[in-house]
Amino acid sequence: MKKYLRPLYTSKVGVAFRNFLNIRPPVFTYEHQAAYLSSDLFIWRTDCGFTTVFKASDILKKYYEIDSYLKLVIYDSAGNHIGTHDIEFYEGTLTFLIDKKTVGREGHGTFCAINLPARRNLNPPTFNVINRCYVGYGVNGSYSMVHGNLVGVWVDPKIPPDEIQYNLTPAANSKRGKYTYMIQDSFSHSIELSLMFSNPLKRHIKLKVNGQTHTIEPMGSLIQVNGHLYDRNGVVTIQSDFIFPRPLIIVKDGIFIDCHHG
């Protein structure tokens, strides 16, 4: 029986029905797609003297033996599209610097990275790509690197490259709920702590950090530096209507910078 019901269970109609009734709704929407090119919704920052470096590899070349290039779609903290960059790989890798000159401002925002075939075929193979990559944050050219935090968006491989930014679909479930996330570390009040959140959904995300309320715009970002980030024991508790409100964390202690997942 399961064999015959599974196609209906994982179909678009079935997934929508499960979301509506809250019957084991899928966490990630791309999991039941025949083909997808997906990316984390990364965070860039050029505030407080920071620059951001992004490193990626030619995934299509490695797994599908097809040359590709990388399309970076960049947004500001309010989720407004501010730029797109097509970048070629060199010997299978690339490095891209995001500074105030790149984005034209001091602040923070988000970006996604989609590997696209260098040549567009009429009948492309079935791509199933998750682009996690590595992003680094640093001051004066020294960076702490961390891989992607959450698969954020996906797009159908058949979408023309110049239409990618208009056809990005949230990869995470957008159903509202009451979720609590506790960071598995305790922090000293002597350090400078930054919590960095991104919103891959098409709706606003609401969250509380130890009781302090915030709202993040669709495709936007939020960075908190110190303030009411942890309680007297150094513990950070996050409450949100988003299923997976995990932040990236930057710990700055003098000239030492460490970036890691919450």
C-alpha atoms as a PDB file:
ATOM      1  CA  MET A   1       0.000   0.000   0.000  1.00  0.00           C
ATOM      2  CA  LYS A   2       2.828   2.414   0.896  1.00  0.00           C
ATOM      3  CA  LYS A   3       4.338   1.827  -2.528  1.00  0.00           C
ATOM      4  CA  TYR A   4       1.207   3.177  -4.230  1.00  0.00           C
ATOM      5  CA  LEU A   5       0.491   6.000  -1.778  1.00  0.00           C
ATOM      6  CA  ARG A   6       4.015   7.437  -1.685  1.00  0.00           C
ATOM      7  CA  PRO A   7       3.821   9.231  -5.098  1.00  0.00           C
ATOM      8  CA  LEU A   8       0.663  11.023  -3.912  1.00  0.00           C
ATOM      9  CA  TYR A   9       2.214  11.709  -0.492  1.00  0.00           C
ATOM     10  CA  THR A  10       5.264  13.405  -2.039  1.00  0.00           C
ATOM     11  CA  SER A  11       3.478  15.199  -4.890  1.00  0.00           C
ATOM     12  CA  LYS A  12       2.967  18.992  -4.881  1.00  0.00           C
ATOM     13  CA  VAL A  13      -0.700  18.495  -3.999  1.00  0.00           C
ATOM     14  CA  GLY A  14       0.191  15.988  -1.287  1.00  0.00           C
ATOM     15  CA  VAL A  15       2.846  18.263   0.226  1.00  0.00           C
ATOM     16  CA  ALA A  16       0.421  21.219   0.215  1.00  0.00           C
ATOM     17  CA  PHE A  17      -2.239  19.053   1.886  1.00  0.00           C
ATOM     18  CA  ARG A  18       0.215  17.880   4.557  1.00  0.00           C
ATOM     19  CA  ASN A  19       1.252  21.482   5.219  1.00  0.00           C
ATOM     20  CA  PHE A  20      -2.369  22.547   5.579  1.00  0.00           C
ATOM     21  CA  LEU A  21      -3.212  19.750   8.036  1.00  0.00           C
ATOM     22  CA  ASN A  22       0.227  19.823   9.692  1.00  0.00           C
ATOM     23  CA  ILE A  23       0.664  16.096   9.014  1.00  0.00           C
ATOM     24  CA  ARG A  24       4.437  15.537   8.934  1.00  0.00           C
ATOM     25  CA  PRO A  25       5.053  18.592   6.722  1.00  0.00           C
ATOM     26  CA  PRO A  26       8.389  18.343   4.875  1.00  0.00           C
ATOM     27  CA  VAL A  27      11.155  20.532   6.272  1.00  0.00           C
ATOM     28  CA  PHE A  28      12.671  21.154   2.826  1.00  0.00           C
ATOM     29  CA  THR A  29      10.561  21.747  -0.270  1.00  0.00           C
ATOM     30  CA  TYR A  30      13.156  20.653  -2.832  1.00  0.00           C
ATOM     31  CA  GLU A  31      13.353  17.087  -1.533  1.00  0.00           C
ATOM     32  CA  HIS A  32      10.481  15.884  -3.718  1.00  0.00           C
ATOM     33  CA  GLN A  33      11.493  17.725  -6.903  1.00  0.00           C
ATOM     34  CA  ALA A  34      12.752  15.740  -9.880  1.00  0.00           C
ATOM     35  CA  ALA A  35      15.460  18.340 -10.544  1.00  0.00           C
ATOM     36  CA  TYR A  36      16.775  21.361  -8.682  1.00  0.00           C
ATOM     37  CA  LEU A  37      19.720  23.708  -8.260  1.00  0.00           C
ATOM     38  CA  SER A  38      19.786  24.908  -4.676  1.00  0.00           C
ATOM     39  CA  SER A  39      21.818  27.196  -2.461  1.00  0.00           C
ATOM     40  CA  ASP A  40      22.088  28.360   1.109  1.00  0.00           C
ATOM     41  CA  LEU A  41      20.974  31.912   1.753  1.00  0.00           C
ATOM     42  CA  PHE A  42      24.351  33.224   2.863  1.00  0.00           C
ATOM     43  CA  ILE A  43      24.949  36.432   4.790  1.00  0.00           C
ATOM     44  CA  TRP A  44      27.400  39.155   3.802  1.00  0.00           C
ATOM     45  CA  ARG A  45      28.532  41.979   6.032  1.00  0.00           C
ATOM     46  CA  THR A  46      30.622  45.078   5.422  1.00  0.00           C
ATOM     47  CA  ASP A  47      29.781  46.812   8.713  1.00  0.00           C
ATOM     48  CA  CYS A  48      32.113  47.300  11.692  1.00  0.00           C
ATOM     49  CA  GLY A  49      35.187  46.953   9.468  1.00  0.00           C
ATOM     50  CA  PHE A  50      34.193  43.472   8.221  1.00  0.00           C
ATOM     51  CA  THR A  51      34.568  42.113   4.721  1.00  0.00           C
ATOM     52  CA  THR A  52      33.173  38.815   3.475  1.00  0.00           C
ATOM     53  CA  VAL A  53      34.890  36.209   1.328  1.00  0.00           C
ATOM     54  CA  PHE A  54      33.043  33.444  -0.525  1.00  0.00           C
ATOM     55  CA  LYS A  55      34.603  30.201  -1.781  1.00  0.00           C
ATOM     56  CA  ALA A  56      32.874  27.672  -4.055  1.00  0.00           C
ATOM     57  CA  SER A  57      33.655  24.683  -6.260  1.00  0.00           C
ATOM     58  CA  ASP A  58      32.457  23.561  -9.681  1.00  0.00           C
ATOM     59  CA  ILE A  59      29.897  21.025  -8.467  1.00  0.00           C
ATOM     60  CA  LEU A  60      28.434  20.301 -11.910  1.00  0.00           C
ATOM     61  CA  LYS A  61      31.894  19.523 -13.246  1.00  0.00           C
ATOM     62  CA  LYS A  62      32.704  17.231 -10.333  1.00  0.00           C
ATOM     63  CA  TYR A  63      29.467  15.236 -10.241  1.00  0.00           C
ATOM     64  CA  TYR A  64      28.018  15.614 -13.752  1.00  0.00           C
ATOM     65  CA  GLU A  65      31.162  16.279 -15.846  1.00  0.00           C
ATOM     66  CA  ILE A  66      29.615  19.503 -17.130  1.00  0.00           C
ATOM     67  CA  ASP A  67      31.462  22.827 -16.992  1.00  0.00           C
ATOM     68  CA  SER A  68      29.603  25.465 -15.049  1.00  0.00           C
ATOM     69  CA  TYR A  69      29.812  29.013 -13.762  1.00  0.00           C
ATOM     70  CA  LEU A  70      28.419  30.548 -10.600  1.00  0.00           C
ATOM     71  CA  LYS A  71      25.618  33.099 -10.460  1.00  0.00           C
ATOM     72  CA  LEU A  72      25.567  35.156  -7.265  1.00  0.00           C
ATOM     73  CA  VAL A  73      22.315  36.984  -6.516  1.00  0.00           C
ATOM     74  CA  ILE A  74      22.778  39.613  -3.794  1.00  0.00           C
ATOM     75  CA  TYR A  75      20.190  41.303  -1.549  1.00  0.00           C
ATOM     76  CA  ASP A  76      20.342  43.988   1.114  1.00  0.00           C
ATOM     77  CA  SER A  77      19.130  43.499   4.702  1.00  0.00           C
ATOM     78  CA  ALA A  78      15.551  44.362   3.678  1.00  0.00           C
ATOM     79  CA  GLY A  79      15.528  41.717   0.937  1.00  0.00           C
ATOM     80  CA  ASN A  80      15.889  44.129  -1.988  1.00  0.00           C
ATOM     81  CA  HIS A  81      17.882  42.823  -4.952  1.00  0.00           C
ATOM     82  CA  ILE A  82      21.040  44.928  -5.314  1.00  0.00           C
ATOM     83  CA  GLY A  83      23.232  42.970  -7.715  1.00  0.00           C
ATOM     84  CA  THR A  84      23.985  39.836  -9.724  1.00  0.00           C
ATOM     85  CA  HIS A  85      27.437  38.507 -10.598  1.00  0.00           C
ATOM     86  CA  ASP A  86      28.368  35.733 -13.045  1.00  0.00           C
ATOM     87  CA  ILE A  87      31.705  34.250 -12.002  1.00  0.00           C
ATOM     88  CA  GLU A  88      33.833  31.670 -13.819  1.00  0.00           C
ATOM     89  CA  PHE A  89      35.661  28.879 -12.036  1.00  0.00           C
ATOM     90  CA  TYR A  90      39.416  28.532 -12.287  1.00  0.00           C
ATOM     91  CA  GLU A  91      40.641  24.940 -12.031  1.00  0.00           C
ATOM     92  CA  GLY A  92      37.385  23.961 -10.331  1.00  0.00           C
ATOM     93  CA  THR A  93      37.215  26.636  -7.627  1.00  0.00           C
ATOM     94  CA  LEU A  94      36.620  30.342  -7.169  1.00  0.00           C
ATOM     95  CA  THR A  95      36.970  33.035  -4.526  1.00  0.00           C
ATOM     96  CA  PHE A  96      34.783  36.151  -4.474  1.00  0.00           C
ATOM     97  CA  LEU A  97      35.313  39.125  -2.169  1.00  0.00           C
ATOM     98  CA  ILE A  98      32.326  41.100  -0.907  1.00  0.00           C
ATOM     99  CA  ASP A  99      33.328  44.503   0.443  1.00  0.00           C
ATOM    100  CA  LYS A 100      31.818  47.998   0.424  1.00  0.00           C
ATOM    101  CA  LYS A 101      32.881  48.447  -3.210  1.00  0.00           C
ATOM    102  CA  THR A 102      31.146  45.208  -4.276  1.00  0.00           C
ATOM    103  CA  VAL A 103      27.755  46.035  -2.729  1.00  0.00           C
ATOM    104  CA  GLY A 104      28.075  49.820  -2.744  1.00  0.00           C
ATOM    105  CA  ARG A 105      27.383  50.253   0.951  1.00  0.00           C
ATOM    106  CA  GLU A 106      28.338  49.534   4.524  1.00  0.00           C
ATOM    107  CA  GLY A 107      25.948  47.125   6.187  1.00  0.00           C
ATOM    108  CA  HIS A 108      24.780  43.553   5.706  1.00  0.00           C
ATOM    109  CA  GLY A 109      22.472  41.430   3.590  1.00  0.00           C
ATOM    110  CA  THR A 110      22.102  38.026   1.944  1.00  0.00           C
ATOM    111  CA  PHE A 111      23.153  36.242  -1.223  1.00  0.00           C
ATOM    112  CA  CYS A 112      22.656  32.886  -2.902  1.00  0.00           C
ATOM    113  CA  ALA A 113      24.966  31.000  -5.275  1.00  0.00           C
ATOM    114  CA  ILE A 114      23.598  28.899  -8.142  1.00  0.00           C
ATOM    115  CA  ASN A 115      25.833  26.648 -10.287  1.00  0.00           C
ATOM    116  CA  LEU A 116      24.682  26.900 -13.905  1.00  0.00           C
ATOM    117  CA  PRO A 117      25.872  24.918 -16.948  1.00  0.00           C
ATOM    118  CA  ALA A 118      28.309  26.878 -19.099  1.00  0.00           C
ATOM    119  CA  ARG A 119      26.335  25.674 -22.104  1.00  0.00           C
ATOM    120  CA  ARG A 120      22.562  25.535 -22.099  1.00  0.00           C
ATOM    121  CA  ASN A 121      21.198  22.280 -23.533  1.00  0.00           C
ATOM    122  CA  LEU A 122      17.682  21.734 -24.823  1.00  0.00           C
ATOM    123  CA  ASN A 123      17.504  18.505 -22.832  1.00  0.00           C
ATOM    124  CA  PRO A 124      19.613  19.041 -19.699  1.00  0.00           C
ATOM    125  CA  PRO A 125      20.263  16.114 -17.356  1.00  0.00           C
ATOM    126  CA  THR A 126      18.385  15.893 -14.081  1.00  0.00           C
ATOM    127  CA  PHE A 127      20.469  18.039 -11.761  1.00  0.00           C
ATOM    128  CA  ASN A 128      20.157  17.595  -8.008  1.00  0.00           C
ATOM    129  CA  VAL A 129      22.597  20.114  -6.576  1.00  0.00           C
ATOM    130  CA  ILE A 130      22.894  21.551  -3.064  1.00  0.00           C
ATOM    131  CA  ASN A 131      25.437  24.372  -2.983  1.00  0.00           C
ATOM    132  CA  ARG A 132      26.646  24.771   0.634  1.00  0.00           C
ATOM    133  CA  CYS A 133      30.046  26.364  -0.112  1.00  0.00           C
ATOM    134  CA  TYR A 134      32.117  28.322   2.419  1.00  0.00           C
ATOM    135  CA  VAL A 135      31.839  31.923   3.538  1.00  0.00           C
ATOM    136  CA  GLY A 136      34.345  33.797   5.686  1.00  0.00           C
ATOM    137  CA  TYR A 137      34.110  36.906   7.838  1.00  0.00           C
ATOM    138  CA  GLY A 138      37.089  38.941   8.862  1.00  0.00           C
ATOM    139  CA  VAL A 139      38.852  42.228   9.419  1.00  0.00           C
ATOM    140  CA  ASN A 140      42.103  43.308   7.715  1.00  0.00           C
ATOM    141  CA  GLY A 141      42.163  40.304   5.385  1.00  0.00           C
ATOM    142  CA  SER A 142      42.075  37.507   7.986  1.00  0.00           C
ATOM    143  CA  TYR A 143      38.938  35.348   7.818  1.00  0.00           C
ATOM    144  CA  SER A 144      37.168  32.705   9.833  1.00  0.00           C
ATOM    145  CA  MET A 145      35.469  30.294   7.423  1.00  0.00           C
ATOM    146  CA  VAL A 146      32.211  28.405   7.891  1.00  0.00           C
ATOM    147  CA  HIS A 147      30.045  26.398   5.501  1.00  0.00           C
ATOM    148  CA  GLY A 148      26.442  27.301   4.708  1.00  0.00           C
ATOM    149  CA  ASN A 149      23.940  27.478   7.530  1.00  0.00           C
ATOM    150  CA  LEU A 150      20.685  26.338   5.922  1.00  0.00           C
ATOM    151  CA  VAL A 151      19.622  25.338   2.402  1.00  0.00           C
ATOM    152  CA  GLY A 152      17.622  28.456   1.595  1.00  0.00           C
ATOM    153  CA  VAL A 153      16.436  28.546  -2.027  1.00  0.00           C
ATOM    154  CA  TRP A 154      16.182  26.396  -5.136  1.00  0.00           C
ATOM    155  CA  VAL A 155      15.372  26.880  -8.797  1.00  0.00           C
ATOM    156  CA  ASP A 156      14.351  24.637 -11.688  1.00  0.00           C
ATOM    157  CA  PRO A 157      17.430  23.946 -13.913  1.00  0.00           C
ATOM    158  CA  LYS A 158      15.321  24.758 -16.995  1.00  0.00           C
ATOM    159  CA  ILE A 159      14.874  28.404 -15.937  1.00  0.00           C
ATOM    160  CA  PRO A 160      16.909  30.760 -18.208  1.00  0.00           C
ATOM    161  CA  PRO A 161      19.948  32.209 -16.416  1.00  0.00           C
ATOM    162  CA  ASP A 162      18.763  35.819 -16.701  1.00  0.00           C
ATOM    163  CA  GLU A 163      15.495  34.880 -14.969  1.00  0.00           C
ATOM    164  CA  ILE A 164      17.020  33.039 -11.992  1.00  0.00           C
ATOM    165  CA  GLN A 165      16.526  35.874  -9.489  1.00  0.00           C
ATOM    166  CA  TYR A 166      12.779  36.019 -10.306  1.00  0.00           C
ATOM    167  CA  ASN A 167      12.206  32.284  -9.911  1.00  0.00           C
ATOM    168  CA  LEU A 168      13.943  31.401  -6.653  1.00  0.00           C
ATOM    169  CA  THR A 169      11.737  29.181  -4.477  1.00  0.00           C
ATOM    170  CA  PRO A 170      12.176  28.891  -0.700  1.00  0.00           C
ATOM    171  CA  ALA A 171      13.809  25.563   0.125  1.00  0.00           C
ATOM    172  CA  ALA A 172      12.560  25.533   3.718  1.00  0.00           C
ATOM    173  CA  ASN A 173       8.996  25.017   4.876  1.00  0.00           C
ATOM    174  CA  SER A 174       7.240  28.353   5.425  1.00  0.00           C
ATOM    175  CA  LYS A 175       4.497  27.022   7.702  1.00  0.00           C
ATOM    176  CA  ARG A 176       4.142  29.086  10.874  1.00  0.00           C
ATOM    177  CA  GLY A 177       4.589  27.446  14.252  1.00  0.00           C
ATOM    178  CA  LYS A 178       6.157  27.934  17.657  1.00  0.00           C
ATOM    179  CA  TYR A 179       9.772  26.844  17.614  1.00  0.00           C
ATOM    180  CA  THR A 180      12.494  27.229  20.237  1.00  0.00           C
ATOM    181  CA  TYR A 181      16.195  26.973  19.439  1.00  0.00           C
ATOM    182  CA  MET A 182      18.933  27.055  22.077  1.00  0.00           C
ATOM    183  CA  ILE A 183      22.513  27.705  21.047  1.00  0.00           C
ATOM    184  CA  GLN A 184      24.699  24.860  22.244  1.00  0.00           C
ATOM    185  CA  ASP A 185      27.357  27.056  23.769  1.00  0.00           C
ATOM    186  CA  SER A 186      27.619  29.552  26.622  1.00  0.00           C
ATOM    187  CA  PHE A 187      29.332  32.896  26.231  1.00  0.00           C
ATOM    188  CA  SER A 188      31.488  35.139  28.348  1.00  0.00           C
ATOM    189  CA  HIS A 189      30.362  38.736  28.824  1.00  0.00           C
ATOM    190  CA  SER A 190      33.909  39.856  28.034  1.00  0.00           C
ATOM    191  CA  ILE A 191      33.630  38.979  24.316  1.00  0.00           C
ATOM    192  CA  GLU A 192      31.882  40.719  21.421  1.00  0.00           C
ATOM    193  CA  LEU A 193      29.156  38.439  20.098  1.00  0.00           C
ATOM    194  CA  SER A 194      27.248  38.728  16.800  1.00  0.00           C
ATOM    195  CA  LEU A 195      24.205  36.639  15.859  1.00  0.00           C
ATOM    196  CA  MET A 196      23.409  36.597  12.133  1.00  0.00           C
ATOM    197  CA  PHE A 197      20.040  35.442  10.750  1.00  0.00           C
ATOM    198  CA  SER A 198      18.737  35.179   7.179  1.00  0.00           C
ATOM    199  CA  ASN A 199      15.161  34.736   5.914  1.00  0.00           C
ATOM    200  CA  PRO A 200      14.807  32.445   2.862  1.00  0.00           C
ATOM    201  CA  LEU A 201      10.993  32.616   2.869  1.00  0.00           C
ATOM    202  CA  LYS A 202       8.519  34.775   0.963  1.00  0.00           C
ATOM    203  CA  ARG A 203       6.983  35.955   4.228  1.00  0.00           C
ATOM    204  CA  HIS A 204       8.315  37.840   7.230  1.00  0.00           C
ATOM    205  CA  ILE A 205       9.982  35.846   9.997  1.00  0.00           C
ATOM    206  CA  LYS A 206       9.410  36.795  13.614  1.00  0.00           C
ATOM    207  CA  LEU A 207      11.870  35.821  16.321  1.00  0.00           C
ATOM    208  CA  LYS A 208      12.862  36.603  19.872  1.00  0.00           C
ATOM    209  CA  VAL A 209      16.400  36.476  21.213  1.00  0.00           C
ATOM    210  CA  ASN A 210      16.142  36.031  24.981  1.00  0.00           C
ATOM    211  CA  GLY A 211      12.836  37.884  24.857  1.00  0.00           C
ATOM    212  CA  GLN A 212      13.849  40.723  22.508  1.00  0.00           C
ATOM    213  CA  THR A 213      11.547  40.753  19.440  1.00  0.00           C
ATOM    214  CA  HIS A 214      12.687  41.155  15.830  1.00  0.00           C
ATOM    215  CA  THR A 215      11.217  40.815  12.333  1.00  0.00           C
ATOM    216  CA  ILE A 216      13.197  39.816   9.230  1.00  0.00           C
ATOM    217  CA  GLU A 217      12.033  40.743   5.715  1.00  0.00           C
ATOM    218  CA  PRO A 218      11.780  38.062   2.976  1.00  0.00           C
ATOM    219  CA  MET A 219      15.307  37.345   1.627  1.00  0.00           C
ATOM    220  CA  GLY A 220      16.595  39.800   4.243  1.00  0.00           C
ATOM    221  CA  SER A 221      18.989  39.547   7.166  1.00  0.00           C
ATOM    222  CA  LEU A 222      19.361  40.508  10.806  1.00  0.00           C
ATOM    223  CA  ILE A 223      22.608  40.968  12.714  1.00  0.00           C
ATOM    224  CA  GLN A 224      22.641  41.550  16.458  1.00  0.00           C
ATOM    225  CA  VAL A 225      25.819  42.627  18.188  1.00  0.00           C
ATOM    226  CA  ASN A 226      25.854  42.176  21.976  1.00  0.00           C
ATOM    227  CA  GLY A 227      22.770  43.859  23.510  1.00  0.00           C
ATOM    228  CA  HIS A 228      20.341  41.337  25.008  1.00  0.00           C
ATOM    229  CA  LEU A 229      21.918  38.308  23.383  1.00  0.00           C
ATOM    230  CA  TYR A 230      22.476  36.045  26.376  1.00  0.00           C
ATOM    231  CA  ASP A 231      21.206  35.676  29.902  1.00  0.00           C
ATOM    232  CA  ARG A 232      23.281  35.916  33.076  1.00  0.00           C
ATOM    233  CA  ASN A 233      24.578  32.378  32.453  1.00  0.00           C
ATOM    234  CA  GLY A 234      25.726  33.161  28.919  1.00  0.00           C
ATOM    235  CA  VAL A 235      22.857  31.164  27.351  1.00  0.00           C
ATOM    236  CA  VAL A 236      21.054  32.263  24.153  1.00  0.00           C
ATOM    237  CA  THR A 237      17.464  31.134  23.561  1.00  0.00           C
ATOM    238  CA  ILE A 238      15.745  31.879  20.239  1.00  0.00           C
ATOM    239  CA  GLN A 239      11.994  31.628  19.696  1.00  0.00           C
ATOM    240  CA  SER A 240      10.517  31.968  16.223  1.00  0.00           C
ATOM    241  CA  ASP A 241       7.579  31.207  13.927  1.00  0.00           C
ATOM    242  CA  PHE A 242      10.137  29.769  11.458  1.00  0.00           C
ATOM    243  CA  ILE A 243      10.911  26.060  11.607  1.00  0.00           C
ATOM    244  CA  PHE A 244      14.705  26.437  11.756  1.00  0.00           C
ATOM    245  CA  PRO A 245      15.858  29.806  13.186  1.00  0.00           C
ATOM    246  CA  ARG A 246      19.525  28.857  13.559  1.00  0.00           C
ATOM    247  CA  PRO A 247      21.965  31.788  13.368  1.00  0.00           C
ATOM    248  CA  LEU A 248      25.577  32.044  12.376  1.00  0.00           C
ATOM    249  CA  ILE A 249      27.712  33.306  15.257  1.00  0.00           C
ATOM    250  CA  ILE A 250      30.762  35.529  15.201  1.00  0.00           C
ATOM    251  CA  VAL A 251      32.814  35.653  18.388  1.00  0.00           C
ATOM    252  CA  LYS A 252      35.305  38.530  18.479  1.00  0.00           C
ATOM    253  CA  ASP A 253      37.816  38.675  21.307  1.00  0.00           C
ATOM    254  CA  GLY A 254      40.303  41.438  20.593  1.00  0.00           C
ATOM    255  CA  ILE A 255      41.943  40.577  17.269  1.00  0.00           C
ATOM    256  CA  PHE A 256      40.690  36.958  17.424  1.00  0.00           C
ATOM    257  CA  ILE A 257      37.603  36.161  15.305  1.00  0.00           C
ATOM    258  CA  ASP A 258      35.799  32.798  15.299  1.00  0.00           C
ATOM    259  CA  CYS A 259      32.733  32.107  13.148  1.00  0.00           C
ATOM    260  CA  HIS A 260      30.573  29.028  13.702  1.00  0.00           C
ATOM    261  CA  HIS A 261      27.034  27.659  13.634  1.00  0.00           C
ATOM    262  CA  GLY A 262      24.591  28.136  16.465  1.00  0.00           C
END
